[in-house]
Amino acid sequence: MEDKIIGSELFQEHRKVEVALYPAVLTWKEIEQGRKRSSVTSESGHSHAVQVCEIVAVHKAEDEADAQTRIHPKTIKQHSQQHPYAFTVSYVKRTQQHLWRCSDVTFHCAEQQICEQWIQVANEQLSLLTNRPRSLLVYINPYGGKRRGKRIYEQKVAPVFRRAGIFTDVIVTERANHARDHLKTEANLDDYDGYAGLGDSQPMDVCSVHHNNVFLKYSVSLLGYGFYGDVLTESERNRWLGPARYDLSGFKTFLSHNHYEGTVSFLPAEDNVGHPRDKLQCRSGCRICQHKHSSKEEHNEVSEEEEKPAEGSDIDWSVIHGKFIAINSANMSCACPRSPKGLSPSAHLADGTTDLILVRKCSRLDFFKHLLRHTNKDDQFDHWFVEVHRVRKFRFQPWHHEPVPLEDQSERPEKPDISPTSSLQETYDYNTAESSWNCDGEILHHTAIQVSVQCQLIRLFARGIEEQQDAEAAV
């Protein structure tokens, strides 16, 4: 272990503890004095350790001492007379299912100088955490969280920011795109470290979306055409239903069972060390993302011209024509309560790629089986009509059909169908409408798009998901 910065014998809940602060960790351990004839200190009870990067704040504990005195007046009064000075360490405590809670531990000491020294030294160590945000710009959607967004922030988030000494400017949005417009015209981004968040700094990929080389939007999590685009379009017509509109829209879209024709071309991530079905999930300290971080400059040296498919050639690029129920691009796993694994369980946050999921035209029952696998541990890609590719770029071009007069139906040109059921006779619908792209919950007004992954474009103030055993060992 590294050299100790400061150490003292203090009291914590009437127990004598040995407290030590190292550059990376704070420890405390209950102790008791050995026999009178021996000056050796023996250990008793449990030892505790908290990483310095997971300490939220260190401050005087006057208010807490007063509160404890009201609860246990006689015991606390006697103890506080002997050790009247105290400081509190607020830190991250892990609970079940990867949840974090802010916990406190208070240490009492007999001398004011010792108390103040601990507070000063501990806060000096916290100030060395340069990746921790100091100033944040916070946008609150008052309609979010079942219209409880503002209250959730004030009751749950703001107290943590205040405790950590993070300055915040809070903007309550009043209309669609209010946050975007504020960022473009009013906000001085040089005054802030970022948006609402707390923890270590972590790079993150972002997809840039273009139409005919004109920038449309950035996508952080999901781009969905077909099923997820239709769900969003339908839900926008029923906003008055609140969150229930998503369930209704999903059910109606599933029953509609629409499919869409188009061409998908993509640049495979051949140099990447992972694969969408390798079961290597992105977790805190992910080796794939760390490897990509070390080779980011080399990755960015590839010019735009080198990555464009040559005219009349498909060198490096793969091209797929077909009928699709859904085309999804997952920049991350997209896990949620209804899909614990997510759309692509092995997608990574910062590897310079996105997982392109193609769901071909199939029966309604087959598609239901595919959706059902998002809720369990079965492989949702293990279907004949589903394929997934890890890509750096992709393009989509819908097929536009001209109406064919009834008398000319016999002269309808044949079109290849590369699905396994291509040998079956099918009726082509020349009036099939186009779907819409769902870009992180917003509808894009163009269907023909070009998407590029911007490797580690933004810095995310967050910690990756930790494996449960690792989390328990860290406490």
Protein backbone atom coordinates (compact mmCIF):
# COMPACT_ATOMS: atom_id res chain seq x y z
CA MET A 1 0.00 0.00 0.00
CA GLU A 2 1.14 3.56 -0.66
CA ASP A 3 2.56 5.81 2.04
CA LYS A 4 0.07 6.99 4.62
CA ILE A 5 -0.85 10.69 4.38
CA ILE A 6 -2.46 10.99 7.79
CA GLY A 7 -3.55 8.56 10.50
CA SER A 8 -5.20 8.85 13.90
CA GLU A 9 -7.04 6.90 16.56
CA LEU A 10 -10.55 8.34 16.56
CA PHE A 11 -14.01 7.32 17.71
CA GLN A 12 -16.86 6.17 15.52
CA GLU A 13 -20.20 5.36 17.18
CA HIS A 14 -18.53 4.98 20.61
CA ARG A 15 -15.97 2.56 19.21
CA LYS A 16 -12.30 3.32 19.02
CA VAL A 17 -11.07 3.05 15.44
CA GLU A 18 -7.79 3.47 13.65
CA VAL A 19 -8.34 5.80 10.69
CA ALA A 20 -5.81 6.22 7.89
CA LEU A 21 -5.84 8.19 4.66
CA TYR A 22 -3.68 7.06 1.74
CA PRO A 23 -3.45 8.72 -1.70
CA ALA A 24 -6.07 6.36 -3.13
CA VAL A 25 -8.02 4.98 -0.18
CA LEU A 26 -9.47 5.85 3.24
CA THR A 27 -9.51 3.03 5.79
CA TRP A 28 -10.83 2.59 9.31
CA LYS A 29 -10.66 -0.40 11.62
CA GLU A 30 -12.08 -1.00 15.09
CA ILE A 31 -9.39 -1.54 17.74
CA GLU A 32 -9.22 -2.29 21.45
CA GLN A 33 -6.43 -2.00 23.95
CA GLY A 34 -4.75 -5.27 24.91
CA ARG A 35 -4.00 -6.40 28.43
CA LYS A 36 -2.48 -3.87 30.79
CA ARG A 37 0.87 -5.60 30.77
CA SER A 38 0.99 -5.44 27.02
CA SER A 39 1.08 -2.30 24.97
CA VAL A 40 0.22 -4.19 21.82
CA THR A 41 -3.03 -3.15 20.12
CA SER A 42 -5.25 -6.02 19.03
CA GLU A 43 -7.74 -5.93 16.19
CA SER A 44 -11.48 -6.28 16.72
CA GLY A 45 -14.49 -5.93 14.47
CA HIS A 46 -14.45 -5.27 10.75
CA SER A 47 -12.18 -3.13 8.64
CA HIS A 48 -13.56 -0.73 6.06
CA ALA A 49 -12.07 0.90 2.99
CA VAL A 50 -13.37 3.61 0.66
CA GLN A 51 -11.57 4.72 -2.46
CA VAL A 52 -10.76 8.43 -2.44
CA CYS A 53 -12.35 8.82 -5.87
CA GLU A 54 -15.63 7.62 -4.31
CA ILE A 55 -15.63 10.12 -1.47
CA VAL A 56 -18.27 12.76 -2.16
CA ALA A 57 -17.31 15.26 0.56
CA VAL A 58 -15.60 15.72 3.94
CA HIS A 59 -17.00 18.35 6.31
CA LYS A 60 -17.55 19.27 9.97
CA ALA A 61 -20.26 17.28 11.67
CA GLU A 62 -21.83 19.84 14.00
CA ASP A 63 -25.36 19.45 12.66
CA GLU A 64 -25.20 15.66 12.74
CA ALA A 65 -23.87 15.68 16.31
CA ASP A 66 -26.81 17.80 17.42
CA ALA A 67 -29.25 15.41 15.76
CA GLN A 68 -27.66 12.38 17.43
CA THR A 69 -27.80 14.13 20.79
CA ARG A 70 -31.57 14.49 20.46
CA ILE A 71 -31.89 10.76 19.75
CA HIS A 72 -29.55 9.48 22.51
CA PRO A 73 -29.22 12.46 24.88
CA LYS A 74 -27.44 10.87 27.85
CA THR A 75 -24.98 8.63 25.99
CA ILE A 76 -24.12 11.14 23.30
CA LYS A 77 -23.76 14.00 25.75
CA GLN A 78 -21.15 12.15 27.77
CA HIS A 79 -19.34 11.03 24.63
CA SER A 80 -19.40 14.50 23.06
CA GLN A 81 -17.91 16.04 26.15
CA GLN A 82 -14.90 13.76 25.85
CA HIS A 83 -14.67 14.06 22.07
CA PRO A 84 -16.44 17.31 21.14
CA TYR A 85 -15.03 17.64 17.60
CA ALA A 86 -16.16 15.53 14.67
CA PHE A 87 -16.07 15.37 10.90
CA THR A 88 -18.21 13.43 8.46
CA VAL A 89 -17.11 11.58 5.33
CA SER A 90 -19.83 11.18 2.68
CA TYR A 91 -19.06 8.39 0.25
CA VAL A 92 -20.51 6.00 -2.31
CA LYS A 93 -21.99 2.80 -0.95
CA ARG A 94 -23.00 0.03 -3.31
CA THR A 95 -26.25 -1.84 -2.84
CA GLN A 96 -27.91 -4.63 -4.79
CA GLN A 97 -28.38 -4.64 -8.57
CA HIS A 98 -25.60 -2.13 -9.27
CA LEU A 99 -27.34 0.65 -7.33
CA TRP A 100 -25.34 3.30 -5.50
CA ARG A 101 -26.30 5.20 -2.37
CA CYS A 102 -24.67 8.12 -0.60
CA SER A 103 -23.62 7.01 2.89
CA ASP A 104 -21.99 8.86 5.80
CA VAL A 105 -19.51 7.93 8.49
CA THR A 106 -18.67 10.35 11.32
CA PHE A 107 -15.41 10.32 13.29
CA HIS A 108 -15.02 12.04 16.68
CA CYS A 109 -11.81 13.35 18.19
CA ALA A 110 -10.79 15.16 21.35
CA GLU A 111 -8.82 18.01 19.77
CA GLN A 112 -10.05 20.63 17.36
CA GLN A 113 -6.70 20.77 15.62
CA ILE A 114 -6.88 17.07 14.69
CA CYS A 115 -10.42 17.47 13.37
CA GLU A 116 -9.51 20.47 11.20
CA GLN A 117 -6.36 18.77 9.96
CA TRP A 118 -8.35 15.76 8.77
CA ILE A 119 -10.86 17.94 6.96
CA GLN A 120 -8.11 19.96 5.28
CA VAL A 121 -5.99 17.01 4.21
CA ALA A 122 -8.95 14.99 2.96
CA ASN A 123 -10.29 17.88 0.88
CA GLU A 124 -6.83 18.48 -0.56
CA GLN A 125 -6.86 14.90 -1.82
CA LEU A 126 -10.31 15.40 -3.32
CA SER A 127 -9.09 18.52 -5.11
CA LEU A 128 -6.51 16.38 -6.92
CA LEU A 129 -9.32 14.50 -8.70
CA THR A 130 -9.09 16.61 -11.84
CA ASN A 131 -11.63 14.52 -13.74
CA ARG A 132 -14.40 15.32 -11.27
CA PRO A 133 -16.81 18.03 -12.51
CA ARG A 134 -16.87 21.30 -10.58
CA SER A 135 -19.50 23.19 -12.55
CA LEU A 136 -22.46 21.70 -14.42
CA LEU A 137 -25.23 22.95 -16.65
CA VAL A 138 -28.45 21.10 -15.80
CA TYR A 139 -31.51 20.88 -18.00
CA ILE A 140 -34.75 19.60 -16.48
CA ASN A 141 -37.68 18.41 -18.55
CA PRO A 142 -40.66 19.09 -16.25
CA TYR A 143 -42.66 16.44 -18.10
CA GLY A 144 -40.06 13.74 -17.63
CA GLY A 145 -40.39 11.01 -15.02
CA LYS A 146 -44.21 11.08 -15.19
CA ARG A 147 -44.12 14.86 -14.73
CA ARG A 148 -41.98 14.53 -11.63
CA GLY A 149 -38.68 15.51 -13.27
CA LYS A 150 -38.21 18.76 -11.35
CA ARG A 151 -39.15 17.24 -8.01
CA ILE A 152 -36.88 14.22 -8.57
CA TYR A 153 -33.97 16.54 -9.30
CA GLU A 154 -34.62 18.75 -6.26
CA GLN A 155 -35.07 15.84 -3.85
CA LYS A 156 -32.58 13.29 -5.17
CA VAL A 157 -29.94 14.91 -7.35
CA ALA A 158 -29.44 18.47 -6.14
CA PRO A 159 -28.55 17.45 -2.54
CA VAL A 160 -25.73 15.26 -3.85
CA PHE A 161 -24.38 18.08 -5.99
CA ARG A 162 -24.49 20.49 -3.04
CA ARG A 163 -22.78 18.00 -0.77
CA ALA A 164 -20.03 17.47 -3.35
CA GLY A 165 -19.53 21.23 -3.77
CA ILE A 166 -20.56 21.19 -7.43
CA PHE A 167 -21.90 24.48 -8.79
CA THR A 168 -24.98 24.09 -11.00
CA ASP A 169 -26.96 26.29 -13.36
CA VAL A 170 -30.43 24.80 -13.69
CA ILE A 171 -32.63 25.41 -16.73
CA VAL A 172 -36.21 24.09 -16.73
CA THR A 173 -37.14 23.54 -20.37
CA GLU A 174 -40.39 25.08 -21.59
CA ARG A 175 -40.72 23.66 -25.09
CA ALA A 176 -39.32 21.12 -27.51
CA ASN A 177 -35.65 21.74 -28.40
CA HIS A 178 -35.38 24.40 -25.67
CA ALA A 179 -32.15 22.85 -24.37
CA ARG A 180 -30.65 22.66 -27.87
CA ASP A 181 -31.53 26.29 -28.62
CA HIS A 182 -30.13 27.44 -25.28
CA LEU A 183 -26.85 25.65 -25.96
CA LYS A 184 -26.59 27.23 -29.40
CA THR A 185 -27.48 30.82 -28.51
CA GLU A 186 -27.14 31.56 -24.79
CA ALA A 187 -24.99 29.08 -22.90
CA ASN A 188 -21.28 29.80 -22.53
CA LEU A 189 -19.90 26.28 -22.53
CA ASP A 190 -16.49 27.48 -21.34
CA ASP A 191 -18.08 28.10 -17.94
CA TYR A 192 -19.02 24.46 -17.41
CA ASP A 193 -17.35 21.09 -17.17
CA GLY A 194 -20.37 19.38 -18.67
CA TYR A 195 -23.93 18.33 -18.02
CA ALA A 196 -25.44 16.75 -14.93
CA GLY A 197 -23.31 13.84 -13.77
CA LEU A 198 -21.02 12.71 -11.00
CA GLY A 199 -18.00 10.40 -10.83
CA ASP A 200 -14.94 9.60 -12.86
CA SER A 201 -14.45 10.84 -16.40
CA GLN A 202 -14.99 8.32 -19.17
CA PRO A 203 -14.86 8.82 -22.97
CA MET A 204 -17.89 7.87 -25.03
CA ASP A 205 -18.68 7.28 -28.70
CA VAL A 206 -21.28 9.34 -30.52
CA CYS A 207 -22.84 8.69 -33.95
CA SER A 208 -23.16 11.63 -36.33
CA VAL A 209 -26.14 11.36 -38.68
CA HIS A 210 -26.16 13.05 -42.11
CA HIS A 211 -28.50 13.28 -45.08
CA ASN A 212 -26.81 14.06 -48.41
CA ASN A 213 -23.73 15.22 -46.46
CA VAL A 214 -25.87 17.65 -44.41
CA PHE A 215 -25.62 17.11 -40.66
CA LEU A 216 -28.92 16.17 -38.96
CA LYS A 217 -28.29 15.00 -35.41
CA TYR A 218 -26.00 13.16 -33.03
CA SER A 219 -27.09 9.80 -31.65
CA VAL A 220 -25.79 8.55 -28.32
CA SER A 221 -27.73 5.34 -27.81
CA LEU A 222 -30.16 4.06 -30.47
CA LEU A 223 -30.98 4.68 -34.12
CA GLY A 224 -33.99 2.63 -35.15
CA TYR A 225 -35.78 2.33 -38.49
CA GLY A 226 -38.88 0.24 -39.05
CA PHE A 227 -40.34 -1.13 -35.84
CA TYR A 228 -38.83 1.35 -33.37
CA GLY A 229 -39.35 4.25 -35.75
CA ASP A 230 -43.01 3.31 -36.18
CA VAL A 231 -43.48 2.97 -32.41
CA LEU A 232 -42.18 6.49 -31.88
CA THR A 233 -44.25 7.95 -34.74
CA GLU A 234 -47.40 6.32 -33.40
CA SER A 235 -46.68 7.41 -29.83
CA GLU A 236 -46.36 11.05 -30.90
CA ARG A 237 -50.02 10.92 -31.97
CA ASN A 238 -51.02 9.87 -28.45
CA ARG A 239 -48.97 12.11 -26.21
CA TRP A 240 -52.06 12.84 -24.14
CA LEU A 241 -51.83 9.28 -22.80
CA GLY A 242 -48.54 9.98 -21.07
CA PRO A 243 -46.05 7.08 -20.65
CA ALA A 244 -48.81 4.56 -21.40
CA ARG A 245 -48.66 5.65 -25.05
CA TYR A 246 -45.48 3.65 -25.58
CA ASP A 247 -47.16 0.37 -24.59
CA LEU A 248 -50.16 1.07 -26.79
CA SER A 249 -48.00 2.19 -29.73
CA GLY A 250 -45.76 -0.85 -29.40
CA PHE A 251 -48.74 -3.19 -29.43
CA LYS A 252 -50.33 -1.50 -32.47
CA THR A 253 -47.02 -1.48 -34.34
CA PHE A 254 -46.48 -5.16 -33.61
CA LEU A 255 -49.93 -6.01 -34.95
CA SER A 256 -49.32 -3.90 -38.08
CA HIS A 257 -46.22 -6.00 -38.79
CA ASN A 258 -44.90 -3.63 -41.45
CA HIS A 259 -41.73 -4.27 -43.41
CA TYR A 260 -39.68 -1.88 -45.50
CA GLU A 261 -37.42 -2.36 -48.49
CA GLY A 262 -34.04 -0.75 -48.74
CA THR A 263 -30.28 -1.02 -49.11
CA VAL A 264 -27.90 -1.06 -46.19
CA SER A 265 -24.19 -0.55 -46.80
CA PHE A 266 -21.66 -0.60 -43.99
CA LEU A 267 -17.96 -0.49 -43.23
CA PRO A 268 -17.18 -3.43 -40.92
CA ALA A 269 -14.99 -2.87 -37.89
CA GLU A 270 -12.47 -5.47 -38.97
CA ASP A 271 -9.73 -4.08 -36.75
CA ASN A 272 -11.87 -4.24 -33.62
CA VAL A 273 -11.08 -6.83 -30.96
CA GLY A 274 -14.72 -7.54 -30.14
CA HIS A 275 -17.80 -8.96 -31.83
CA PRO A 276 -21.50 -8.34 -31.09
CA ARG A 277 -21.99 -11.98 -30.05
CA ASP A 278 -18.79 -12.53 -28.06
CA LYS A 279 -20.62 -12.06 -24.71
CA LEU A 280 -17.92 -9.60 -23.54
CA GLN A 281 -20.02 -6.93 -21.87
CA CYS A 282 -18.81 -3.37 -21.42
CA ARG A 283 -18.04 -2.86 -17.75
CA SER A 284 -15.98 -0.50 -15.62
CA GLY A 285 -12.36 -0.72 -16.80
CA CYS A 286 -13.40 -2.42 -20.07
CA ARG A 287 -10.27 -3.65 -21.83
CA ILE A 288 -11.80 -3.21 -25.30
CA CYS A 289 -12.59 0.46 -24.71
CA GLN A 290 -9.20 1.01 -23.05
CA HIS A 291 -7.49 -0.60 -26.02
CA LYS A 292 -9.40 1.68 -28.35
CA HIS A 293 -8.44 4.72 -26.29
CA SER A 294 -4.75 3.92 -26.74
CA SER A 295 -5.18 3.55 -30.50
CA LYS A 296 -7.58 6.46 -31.02
CA GLU A 297 -5.10 8.65 -32.87
CA GLU A 298 -4.28 5.84 -35.28
CA HIS A 299 -8.01 5.24 -35.78
CA ASN A 300 -8.62 8.89 -36.63
CA GLU A 301 -5.83 8.96 -39.19
CA VAL A 302 -8.03 7.07 -41.66
CA SER A 303 -9.30 9.74 -44.04
CA GLU A 304 -12.88 10.19 -45.13
CA GLU A 305 -11.92 9.36 -48.71
CA GLU A 306 -10.43 6.02 -47.68
CA GLU A 307 -13.67 5.03 -45.96
CA LYS A 308 -16.05 5.91 -48.80
CA PRO A 309 -17.09 3.01 -51.02
CA ALA A 310 -15.61 3.38 -54.47
CA GLU A 311 -18.00 3.97 -57.35
CA GLY A 312 -19.11 0.61 -58.65
CA SER A 313 -17.00 -1.23 -56.09
CA ASP A 314 -17.79 -2.79 -52.74
CA ILE A 315 -14.20 -3.13 -51.51
CA ASP A 316 -14.17 -2.88 -47.70
CA TRP A 317 -17.87 -2.03 -47.68
CA SER A 318 -20.64 -4.62 -47.43
CA VAL A 319 -23.97 -4.03 -49.15
CA ILE A 320 -27.25 -5.76 -48.28
CA HIS A 321 -30.54 -5.36 -50.17
CA GLY A 322 -33.74 -6.65 -48.67
CA LYS A 323 -36.99 -6.25 -46.79
CA PHE A 324 -36.60 -5.36 -43.14
CA ILE A 325 -38.94 -5.20 -40.18
CA ALA A 326 -36.31 -3.32 -38.20
CA ILE A 327 -32.88 -1.78 -38.72
CA ASN A 328 -31.22 -0.79 -35.44
CA SER A 329 -27.90 0.80 -34.60
CA ALA A 330 -26.92 0.40 -30.95
CA ASN A 331 -24.10 2.59 -29.67
CA MET A 332 -24.44 0.93 -26.27
CA SER A 333 -26.30 -2.07 -24.91
CA CYS A 334 -29.50 0.02 -24.51
CA ALA A 335 -30.43 -1.99 -21.43
CA CYS A 336 -33.59 -0.97 -19.60
CA PRO A 337 -35.99 -2.54 -17.07
CA ARG A 338 -37.95 -4.29 -19.82
CA SER A 339 -34.83 -5.45 -21.61
CA PRO A 340 -32.20 -6.12 -18.90
CA LYS A 341 -29.57 -7.17 -21.47
CA GLY A 342 -30.48 -4.51 -24.00
CA LEU A 343 -30.76 -4.58 -27.78
CA SER A 344 -27.08 -5.48 -28.10
CA PRO A 345 -25.71 -6.84 -24.80
CA SER A 346 -22.06 -6.75 -25.92
CA ALA A 347 -22.02 -3.25 -27.41
CA HIS A 348 -19.29 -0.95 -26.04
CA LEU A 349 -19.36 2.68 -25.01
CA ALA A 350 -16.02 3.77 -26.38
CA ASP A 351 -14.66 1.32 -28.97
CA GLY A 352 -15.32 3.47 -32.04
CA THR A 353 -18.09 1.20 -33.36
CA THR A 354 -21.84 0.67 -33.35
CA ASP A 355 -23.70 -2.63 -33.56
CA LEU A 356 -25.90 -2.73 -36.66
CA ILE A 357 -28.85 -5.11 -36.19
CA LEU A 358 -30.86 -6.15 -39.25
CA VAL A 359 -34.20 -7.90 -38.72
CA ARG A 360 -35.48 -9.20 -42.04
CA LYS A 361 -39.07 -9.77 -43.05
CA CYS A 362 -40.42 -12.77 -41.16
CA SER A 363 -43.68 -14.05 -39.71
CA ARG A 364 -45.32 -12.20 -36.85
CA LEU A 365 -44.68 -15.21 -34.60
CA ASP A 366 -40.97 -15.24 -35.42
CA PHE A 367 -40.68 -11.54 -34.73
CA PHE A 368 -42.48 -12.01 -31.42
CA LYS A 369 -39.94 -14.69 -30.46
CA HIS A 370 -37.15 -12.23 -31.29
CA LEU A 371 -38.69 -9.51 -29.11
CA LEU A 372 -39.33 -11.97 -26.30
CA ARG A 373 -35.65 -12.86 -26.13
CA HIS A 374 -34.86 -9.27 -25.15
CA THR A 375 -36.51 -10.02 -21.81
CA ASN A 376 -34.59 -13.20 -20.97
CA LYS A 377 -31.09 -14.62 -21.25
CA ASP A 378 -31.52 -16.25 -24.66
CA ASP A 379 -29.53 -14.96 -27.64
CA GLN A 380 -31.84 -12.57 -29.52
CA PHE A 381 -29.56 -12.78 -32.56
CA ASP A 382 -29.95 -16.55 -32.90
CA HIS A 383 -32.66 -16.45 -35.61
CA TRP A 384 -32.42 -17.03 -39.34
CA PHE A 385 -33.90 -13.58 -40.03
CA VAL A 386 -31.59 -11.61 -37.71
CA GLU A 387 -27.99 -10.60 -38.31
CA VAL A 388 -25.73 -8.24 -36.44
CA HIS A 389 -22.54 -6.49 -37.54
CA ARG A 390 -20.08 -4.31 -35.65
CA VAL A 391 -19.45 -1.35 -37.93
CA ARG A 392 -17.70 2.01 -38.07
CA LYS A 393 -20.04 3.56 -40.63
CA PHE A 394 -23.23 2.68 -42.41
CA ARG A 395 -25.71 4.07 -44.92
CA PHE A 396 -29.33 3.36 -45.62
CA GLN A 397 -31.22 4.05 -48.83
CA PRO A 398 -34.93 3.18 -49.00
CA TRP A 399 -36.28 1.68 -52.20
CA HIS A 400 -38.64 4.03 -53.98
CA HIS A 401 -41.23 2.37 -56.22
CA GLU A 402 -43.20 3.99 -58.98
CA PRO A 403 -46.92 3.08 -59.09
CA VAL A 404 -47.59 0.46 -61.74
CA PRO A 405 -50.85 0.68 -63.75
CA LEU A 406 -53.15 -2.30 -63.25
CA GLU A 407 -52.88 -3.33 -66.92
CA ASP A 408 -49.08 -3.38 -66.60
CA GLN A 409 -48.96 -5.65 -63.56
CA SER A 410 -47.78 -8.56 -65.70
CA GLU A 411 -44.73 -6.55 -66.72
CA ARG A 412 -43.66 -5.89 -63.17
CA PRO A 413 -39.87 -6.34 -62.91
CA GLU A 414 -38.55 -9.05 -60.68
CA LYS A 415 -36.57 -8.02 -57.62
CA PRO A 416 -34.25 -10.36 -55.77
CA ASP A 417 -35.05 -11.28 -52.19
CA ILE A 418 -32.11 -12.68 -50.32
CA SER A 419 -34.06 -13.98 -47.34
CA PRO A 420 -34.17 -17.77 -46.79
CA THR A 421 -37.80 -17.74 -47.97
CA SER A 422 -36.95 -16.26 -51.38
CA SER A 423 -38.04 -19.47 -53.08
CA LEU A 424 -41.61 -18.85 -51.93
CA GLN A 425 -43.97 -16.88 -54.09
CA GLU A 426 -44.61 -13.42 -52.69
CA THR A 427 -46.72 -10.47 -53.74
CA TYR A 428 -44.70 -7.27 -53.97
CA ASP A 429 -46.40 -4.20 -52.58
CA TYR A 430 -45.30 -1.23 -54.68
CA ASN A 431 -47.10 1.22 -52.40
CA THR A 432 -45.29 0.31 -49.17
CA ALA A 433 -44.70 3.54 -47.28
CA GLU A 434 -41.37 4.44 -45.75
CA SER A 435 -40.76 4.28 -42.03
CA SER A 436 -39.02 6.93 -39.91
CA TRP A 437 -35.75 6.90 -38.03
CA ASN A 438 -35.98 6.99 -34.25
CA CYS A 439 -32.89 8.92 -33.10
CA ASP A 440 -32.66 8.67 -29.31
CA GLY A 441 -36.39 9.27 -29.02
CA GLU A 442 -36.67 11.94 -31.72
CA ILE A 443 -37.98 11.49 -35.25
CA LEU A 444 -35.68 12.25 -38.17
CA HIS A 445 -37.35 13.82 -41.18
CA HIS A 446 -35.15 11.96 -43.67
CA THR A 447 -34.97 8.22 -44.30
CA ALA A 448 -31.85 8.12 -46.48
CA ILE A 449 -29.04 8.71 -44.00
CA GLN A 450 -25.31 8.27 -43.54
CA VAL A 451 -24.01 7.43 -40.06
CA SER A 452 -20.43 7.67 -38.76
CA VAL A 453 -19.15 6.70 -35.33
CA GLN A 454 -17.14 9.49 -33.73
CA CYS A 455 -14.74 7.59 -31.50
CA GLN A 456 -14.72 8.84 -27.88
CA LEU A 457 -16.09 12.21 -28.95
CA ILE A 458 -17.47 13.21 -25.56
CA ARG A 459 -16.34 12.82 -21.99
CA LEU A 460 -18.93 11.23 -19.74
CA PHE A 461 -18.91 11.93 -16.00
CA ALA A 462 -20.00 8.45 -14.97
CA ARG A 463 -18.68 5.07 -13.93
CA GLY A 464 -19.14 1.99 -16.06
CA ILE A 465 -21.34 -0.80 -14.78
CA GLU A 466 -19.46 -2.96 -12.31
CA GLU A 467 -19.67 -6.69 -11.95
CA GLN A 468 -21.40 -7.52 -8.68
CA GLN A 469 -18.46 -9.44 -7.22
CA ASP A 470 -16.09 -6.60 -8.08
CA ALA A 471 -18.38 -4.06 -6.47
CA GLU A 472 -18.59 -6.05 -3.27
CA ALA A 473 -14.83 -6.49 -3.12
CA ALA A 474 -14.29 -2.74 -3.52
CA VAL A 475 -16.30 -1.85 -0.41
